[in-house]
Structures are given as structure tokens and as C-alpha cells.
Amino acid sequence: MGGISVLFLMGLLSFIYFFIISIIAIIIFYVLVSYIFESISIVSMSKKLKYKNAYTGWIPFYNKYILGKIGNSKPLGITLLITTLISTITIILFFIFKEPQPVLIIIFLLSVLTTFILDIILSNKIFNKYSKNFKDVMTALSVLSLGFLRPIFLYIIRNKKKNI
């Protein structure tokens, strides 16, 4: 009887381990795909707006500042850069400390929530600049998808002409 419970427990633990690894792999895949779509969009929009160094849209964190320039809101871009940097630093600190620190968890949650809100506000400004007809739909779908569709929408509108 003890052997069966050990086998059951080993199966359960391996399932949980597989589940956690799968979730981490999905998150990493999303971050990479999102980064690629957003960077391509930023580079394309920067070229259309005749920015000097359009390819700096590929630089992590700095591309948030350029997104702010594209949306005519540099302070929002700088704030977004800082909150993204804070959330990344707290993730790195999670792996360094290996024990959950309540202060780090609170800082991480606040920075991620702030980053999400600022991303949506800035994207709405860009959607308004490039697509007046569907800006509300794209913003609503970005919020409802928890930001998953936002880089794709930016990618879709990257080659449109700016509305005046």
C-alpha cells in the first residue's frame, strides 16, 4: 500500500513540476514574441516620423521612451521605462533571494500594474494617432486580453499614415 502512495505522489509532483515549467516557458515565449512585434512597430513608426536613430527601437527599456516620443508623450515614455526597469529588477531579485520577500512582491505587483496601465494609455494615444476609427476597439481588446494583443495592434498599424 505504501508503494502505491509513493508512486502516486511521485506522479503528482512530476505533473506539478511539468506544469510550472510549462507556464514559465509560455511566459518567456510571450515576452519574446511581444518584444519582437513591439520593436518592429517602433522601428517602422520611427522611420516614418524621420527619427534619427530608428533602430534604437530594438534596445530593451529604451524602446519604451521611444514609444512615448511616438505617442507625443515623452514623460509617459520615461515613466514607462522606469516602471518596466523596476519590475525587471524585482524579478531578478526574486531569483537572488530565493525566498519571497513581502516588500519585493508588493513592489513587483505595483510596478507591473503601473506598467500595464501606462502601456494601455500610451498605446491608446498611438492608436488615436494612426487609426481614429478603431482606436477604442483596439484599446478595449488590449485591456481585455491583459496586454497580449497590444503589440500585435501596434504591429498592424505601424505602416499606416499618421492622422492629422
C-alpha atoms as a PDB file:
ATOM      1  CA  MET A   1       0.000   0.000   0.000  1.00  0.00           C
ATOM      2  CA  GLY A   2       2.874   2.350   0.768  1.00  0.00           C
ATOM      3  CA  GLY A   3       4.389   1.773  -2.667  1.00  0.00           C
ATOM      4  CA  ILE A   4       1.222   2.896  -4.427  1.00  0.00           C
ATOM      5  CA  SER A   5       1.057   6.133  -2.438  1.00  0.00           C
ATOM      6  CA  VAL A   6       4.717   6.837  -3.225  1.00  0.00           C
ATOM      7  CA  LEU A   7       4.078   6.263  -6.942  1.00  0.00           C
ATOM      8  CA  PHE A   8       1.000   8.479  -6.775  1.00  0.00           C
ATOM      9  CA  LEU A   9       2.951  11.227  -5.008  1.00  0.00           C
ATOM     10  CA  MET A  10       5.824  10.992  -7.496  1.00  0.00           C
ATOM     11  CA  GLY A  11       3.376  11.255 -10.386  1.00  0.00           C
ATOM     12  CA  LEU A  12       1.672  14.244  -8.786  1.00  0.00           C
ATOM     13  CA  LEU A  13       4.969  16.010  -8.121  1.00  0.00           C
ATOM     14  CA  SER A  14       6.205  15.397 -11.655  1.00  0.00           C
ATOM     15  CA  PHE A  15       2.923  16.777 -13.011  1.00  0.00           C
ATOM     16  CA  ILE A  16       3.255  19.911 -10.870  1.00  0.00           C
ATOM     17  CA  TYR A  17       6.897  20.306 -11.951  1.00  0.00           C
ATOM     18  CA  PHE A  18       5.906  19.918 -15.625  1.00  0.00           C
ATOM     19  CA  PHE A  19       3.062  22.424 -15.151  1.00  0.00           C
ATOM     20  CA  ILE A  20       5.352  25.038 -13.602  1.00  0.00           C
ATOM     21  CA  ILE A  21       7.998  24.583 -16.311  1.00  0.00           C
ATOM     22  CA  SER A  22       5.286  24.878 -18.995  1.00  0.00           C
ATOM     23  CA  ILE A  23       3.956  28.128 -17.516  1.00  0.00           C
ATOM     24  CA  ILE A  24       7.471  29.591 -17.362  1.00  0.00           C
ATOM     25  CA  ALA A  25       8.124  28.550 -20.979  1.00  0.00           C
ATOM     26  CA  ILE A  26       4.846  30.154 -22.115  1.00  0.00           C
ATOM     27  CA  ILE A  27       5.688  33.401 -20.312  1.00  0.00           C
ATOM     28  CA  ILE A  28       9.179  33.523 -21.844  1.00  0.00           C
ATOM     29  CA  PHE A  29       7.738  32.808 -25.308  1.00  0.00           C
ATOM     30  CA  TYR A  30       5.143  35.579 -24.909  1.00  0.00           C
ATOM     31  CA  VAL A  31       7.754  38.089 -23.734  1.00  0.00           C
ATOM     32  CA  LEU A  32       9.987  37.334 -26.726  1.00  0.00           C
ATOM     33  CA  VAL A  33       7.165  37.472 -29.285  1.00  0.00           C
ATOM     34  CA  SER A  34       5.769  40.636 -27.720  1.00  0.00           C
ATOM     35  CA  TYR A  35       9.224  42.266 -27.718  1.00  0.00           C
ATOM     36  CA  ILE A  36       9.765  41.398 -31.387  1.00  0.00           C
ATOM     37  CA  PHE A  37       6.369  42.709 -32.530  1.00  0.00           C
ATOM     38  CA  GLU A  38       6.700  45.880 -30.459  1.00  0.00           C
ATOM     39  CA  SER A  39      10.272  46.553 -31.620  1.00  0.00           C
ATOM     40  CA  ILE A  40       9.404  46.104 -35.296  1.00  0.00           C
ATOM     41  CA  SER A  41       6.486  48.501 -34.793  1.00  0.00           C
ATOM     42  CA  ILE A  42       8.625  51.093 -33.025  1.00  0.00           C
ATOM     43  CA  VAL A  43      11.335  50.960 -35.706  1.00  0.00           C
ATOM     44  CA  SER A  44       8.755  51.310 -38.510  1.00  0.00           C
ATOM     45  CA  MET A  45       6.950  54.215 -36.840  1.00  0.00           C
ATOM     46  CA  SER A  46      10.266  55.910 -36.007  1.00  0.00           C
ATOM     47  CA  LYS A  47      11.340  55.711 -39.647  1.00  0.00           C
ATOM     48  CA  LYS A  48       8.018  57.202 -40.775  1.00  0.00           C
ATOM     49  CA  LEU A  49       8.420  60.039 -38.280  1.00  0.00           C
ATOM     50  CA  LYS A  50      12.015  60.511 -39.526  1.00  0.00           C
ATOM     51  CA  TYR A  51      13.701  59.965 -36.171  1.00  0.00           C
ATOM     52  CA  LYS A  52      17.477  59.980 -36.408  1.00  0.00           C
ATOM     53  CA  ASN A  53      18.214  56.578 -34.886  1.00  0.00           C
ATOM     54  CA  ALA A  54      15.150  54.490 -35.682  1.00  0.00           C
ATOM     55  CA  TYR A  55      16.879  51.209 -34.890  1.00  0.00           C
ATOM     56  CA  THR A  56      17.199  52.110 -31.222  1.00  0.00           C
ATOM     57  CA  GLY A  57      13.680  50.689 -31.003  1.00  0.00           C
ATOM     58  CA  TRP A  58      15.387  47.322 -30.520  1.00  0.00           C
ATOM     59  CA  ILE A  59      17.092  48.420 -27.276  1.00  0.00           C
ATOM     60  CA  PRO A  60      15.186  46.995 -24.295  1.00  0.00           C
ATOM     61  CA  PHE A  61      13.720  49.589 -21.917  1.00  0.00           C
ATOM     62  CA  TYR A  62      14.833  52.484 -24.128  1.00  0.00           C
ATOM     63  CA  ASN A  63      12.200  51.446 -26.647  1.00  0.00           C
ATOM     64  CA  LYS A  64       9.552  52.460 -24.076  1.00  0.00           C
ATOM     65  CA  TYR A  65      10.926  56.006 -24.194  1.00  0.00           C
ATOM     66  CA  ILE A  66      10.759  55.971 -27.999  1.00  0.00           C
ATOM     67  CA  LEU A  67       7.184  54.693 -27.762  1.00  0.00           C
ATOM     68  CA  GLY A  68       6.488  57.774 -25.625  1.00  0.00           C
ATOM     69  CA  LYS A  69       8.017  60.000 -28.308  1.00  0.00           C
ATOM     70  CA  ILE A  70       5.848  58.340 -30.955  1.00  0.00           C
ATOM     71  CA  GLY A  71       2.765  58.946 -28.806  1.00  0.00           C
ATOM     72  CA  ASN A  72       3.791  62.605 -28.249  1.00  0.00           C
ATOM     73  CA  SER A  73       4.213  61.972 -24.531  1.00  0.00           C
ATOM     74  CA  LYS A  74       7.875  61.825 -23.512  1.00  0.00           C
ATOM     75  CA  PRO A  75       7.134  61.975 -19.735  1.00  0.00           C
ATOM     76  CA  LEU A  76       4.826  58.978 -20.089  1.00  0.00           C
ATOM     77  CA  GLY A  77       7.548  57.126 -22.010  1.00  0.00           C
ATOM     78  CA  ILE A  78      10.147  57.900 -19.336  1.00  0.00           C
ATOM     79  CA  THR A  79       7.788  56.759 -16.568  1.00  0.00           C
ATOM     80  CA  LEU A  80       7.048  53.574 -18.523  1.00  0.00           C
ATOM     81  CA  LEU A  81      10.787  52.971 -18.950  1.00  0.00           C
ATOM     82  CA  ILE A  82      11.323  53.319 -15.189  1.00  0.00           C
ATOM     83  CA  THR A  83       8.412  51.075 -14.157  1.00  0.00           C
ATOM     84  CA  THR A  84       9.474  48.394 -16.647  1.00  0.00           C
ATOM     85  CA  LEU A  85      13.007  48.560 -15.283  1.00  0.00           C
ATOM     86  CA  ILE A  86      11.747  48.285 -11.688  1.00  0.00           C
ATOM     87  CA  SER A  87       9.631  45.214 -12.461  1.00  0.00           C
ATOM     88  CA  THR A  88      12.586  43.546 -14.206  1.00  0.00           C
ATOM     89  CA  ILE A  89      14.931  44.296 -11.303  1.00  0.00           C
ATOM     90  CA  THR A  90      12.453  42.852  -8.792  1.00  0.00           C
ATOM     91  CA  ILE A  91      12.193  39.630 -10.841  1.00  0.00           C
ATOM     92  CA  ILE A  92      15.987  39.340 -10.771  1.00  0.00           C
ATOM     93  CA  LEU A  93      15.958  39.943  -7.003  1.00  0.00           C
ATOM     94  CA  PHE A  94      13.392  37.126  -6.584  1.00  0.00           C
ATOM     95  CA  PHE A  95      15.917  34.706  -8.067  1.00  0.00           C
ATOM     96  CA  ILE A  96      18.767  36.100  -5.965  1.00  0.00           C
ATOM     97  CA  PHE A  97      16.973  35.898  -2.595  1.00  0.00           C
ATOM     98  CA  LYS A  98      15.165  32.597  -3.310  1.00  0.00           C
ATOM     99  CA  GLU A  99      12.728  33.360  -0.502  1.00  0.00           C
ATOM    100  CA  PRO A 100       9.673  35.523  -1.158  1.00  0.00           C
ATOM    101  CA  GLN A 101      10.282  38.955   0.321  1.00  0.00           C
ATOM    102  CA  PRO A 102       6.942  40.703   1.008  1.00  0.00           C
ATOM    103  CA  VAL A 103       8.353  44.107   0.089  1.00  0.00           C
ATOM    104  CA  LEU A 104       9.630  42.793  -3.250  1.00  0.00           C
ATOM    105  CA  ILE A 105       6.269  41.194  -4.007  1.00  0.00           C
ATOM    106  CA  ILE A 106       4.446  44.466  -3.332  1.00  0.00           C
ATOM    107  CA  ILE A 107       6.934  46.490  -5.399  1.00  0.00           C
ATOM    108  CA  PHE A 108       6.694  43.962  -8.233  1.00  0.00           C
ATOM    109  CA  LEU A 109       2.883  43.956  -8.274  1.00  0.00           C
ATOM    110  CA  LEU A 110       2.678  47.758  -8.152  1.00  0.00           C
ATOM    111  CA  SER A 111       5.261  48.190 -10.914  1.00  0.00           C
ATOM    112  CA  VAL A 112       3.596  45.598 -13.166  1.00  0.00           C
ATOM    113  CA  LEU A 113       0.173  47.189 -12.637  1.00  0.00           C
ATOM    114  CA  THR A 114       1.576  50.670 -13.301  1.00  0.00           C
ATOM    115  CA  THR A 115       3.404  49.428 -16.391  1.00  0.00           C
ATOM    116  CA  PHE A 116       0.224  47.825 -17.714  1.00  0.00           C
ATOM    117  CA  ILE A 117      -1.831  50.993 -17.187  1.00  0.00           C
ATOM    118  CA  LEU A 118       0.835  53.248 -18.750  1.00  0.00           C
ATOM    119  CA  ASP A 119       1.236  50.847 -21.694  1.00  0.00           C
ATOM    120  CA  ILE A 120      -2.506  50.984 -22.359  1.00  0.00           C
ATOM    121  CA  ILE A 121      -2.654  54.801 -22.062  1.00  0.00           C
ATOM    122  CA  LEU A 122       0.338  55.274 -24.358  1.00  0.00           C
ATOM    123  CA  SER A 123      -0.960  52.717 -26.843  1.00  0.00           C
ATOM    124  CA  ASN A 124      -4.328  54.493 -26.892  1.00  0.00           C
ATOM    125  CA  LYS A 125      -2.529  57.723 -27.828  1.00  0.00           C
ATOM    126  CA  ILE A 126      -0.709  55.920 -30.632  1.00  0.00           C
ATOM    127  CA  PHE A 127      -3.903  54.175 -31.788  1.00  0.00           C
ATOM    128  CA  ASN A 128      -5.602  57.585 -31.867  1.00  0.00           C
ATOM    129  CA  LYS A 129      -2.707  58.994 -33.889  1.00  0.00           C
ATOM    130  CA  TYR A 130      -2.743  56.244 -36.521  1.00  0.00           C
ATOM    131  CA  SER A 131      -6.268  54.804 -36.504  1.00  0.00           C
ATOM    132  CA  LYS A 132      -9.099  57.018 -35.307  1.00  0.00           C
ATOM    133  CA  ASN A 133     -11.804  54.558 -36.376  1.00  0.00           C
ATOM    134  CA  PHE A 134     -10.670  51.549 -34.366  1.00  0.00           C
ATOM    135  CA  LYS A 135      -8.729  53.136 -31.510  1.00  0.00           C
ATOM    136  CA  ASP A 136     -11.369  52.353 -28.895  1.00  0.00           C
ATOM    137  CA  VAL A 137     -11.779  48.776 -30.109  1.00  0.00           C
ATOM    138  CA  MET A 138      -8.018  48.179 -30.068  1.00  0.00           C
ATOM    139  CA  THR A 139      -7.708  49.729 -26.603  1.00  0.00           C
ATOM    140  CA  ALA A 140     -10.609  47.690 -25.215  1.00  0.00           C
ATOM    141  CA  LEU A 141      -9.259  44.455 -26.683  1.00  0.00           C
ATOM    142  CA  SER A 142      -5.805  45.278 -25.327  1.00  0.00           C
ATOM    143  CA  VAL A 143      -7.233  45.703 -21.839  1.00  0.00           C
ATOM    144  CA  LEU A 144      -9.454  42.612 -22.048  1.00  0.00           C
ATOM    145  CA  SER A 145      -6.535  40.478 -23.277  1.00  0.00           C
ATOM    146  CA  LEU A 146      -4.383  41.832 -20.407  1.00  0.00           C
ATOM    147  CA  GLY A 147      -1.988  43.411 -22.882  1.00  0.00           C
ATOM    148  CA  PHE A 148      -1.411  40.339 -25.048  1.00  0.00           C
ATOM    149  CA  LEU A 149      -2.922  41.952 -28.167  1.00  0.00           C
ATOM    150  CA  ARG A 150      -1.336  45.398 -27.718  1.00  0.00           C
ATOM    151  CA  PRO A 151       1.969  44.621 -29.524  1.00  0.00           C
ATOM    152  CA  ILE A 152       0.041  42.947 -32.334  1.00  0.00           C
ATOM    153  CA  PHE A 153      -2.170  46.019 -32.781  1.00  0.00           C
ATOM    154  CA  LEU A 154       0.929  48.228 -32.820  1.00  0.00           C
ATOM    155  CA  TYR A 155       2.376  45.928 -35.454  1.00  0.00           C
ATOM    156  CA  ILE A 156      -0.809  46.153 -37.533  1.00  0.00           C
ATOM    157  CA  ILE A 157      -0.914  49.971 -37.558  1.00  0.00           C
ATOM    158  CA  ARG A 158       2.856  50.511 -37.947  1.00  0.00           C
ATOM    159  CA  ASN A 159       2.659  51.319 -41.680  1.00  0.00           C
ATOM    160  CA  LYS A 160      -0.461  53.481 -41.593  1.00  0.00           C
ATOM    161  CA  LYS A 161      -0.252  57.177 -42.260  1.00  0.00           C
ATOM    162  CA  LYS A 162      -0.491  59.493 -39.288  1.00  0.00           C
ATOM    163  CA  ASN A 163      -3.872  61.205 -38.806  1.00  0.00           C
ATOM    164  CA  ILE A 164      -3.689  64.968 -38.586  1.00  0.00           C
END
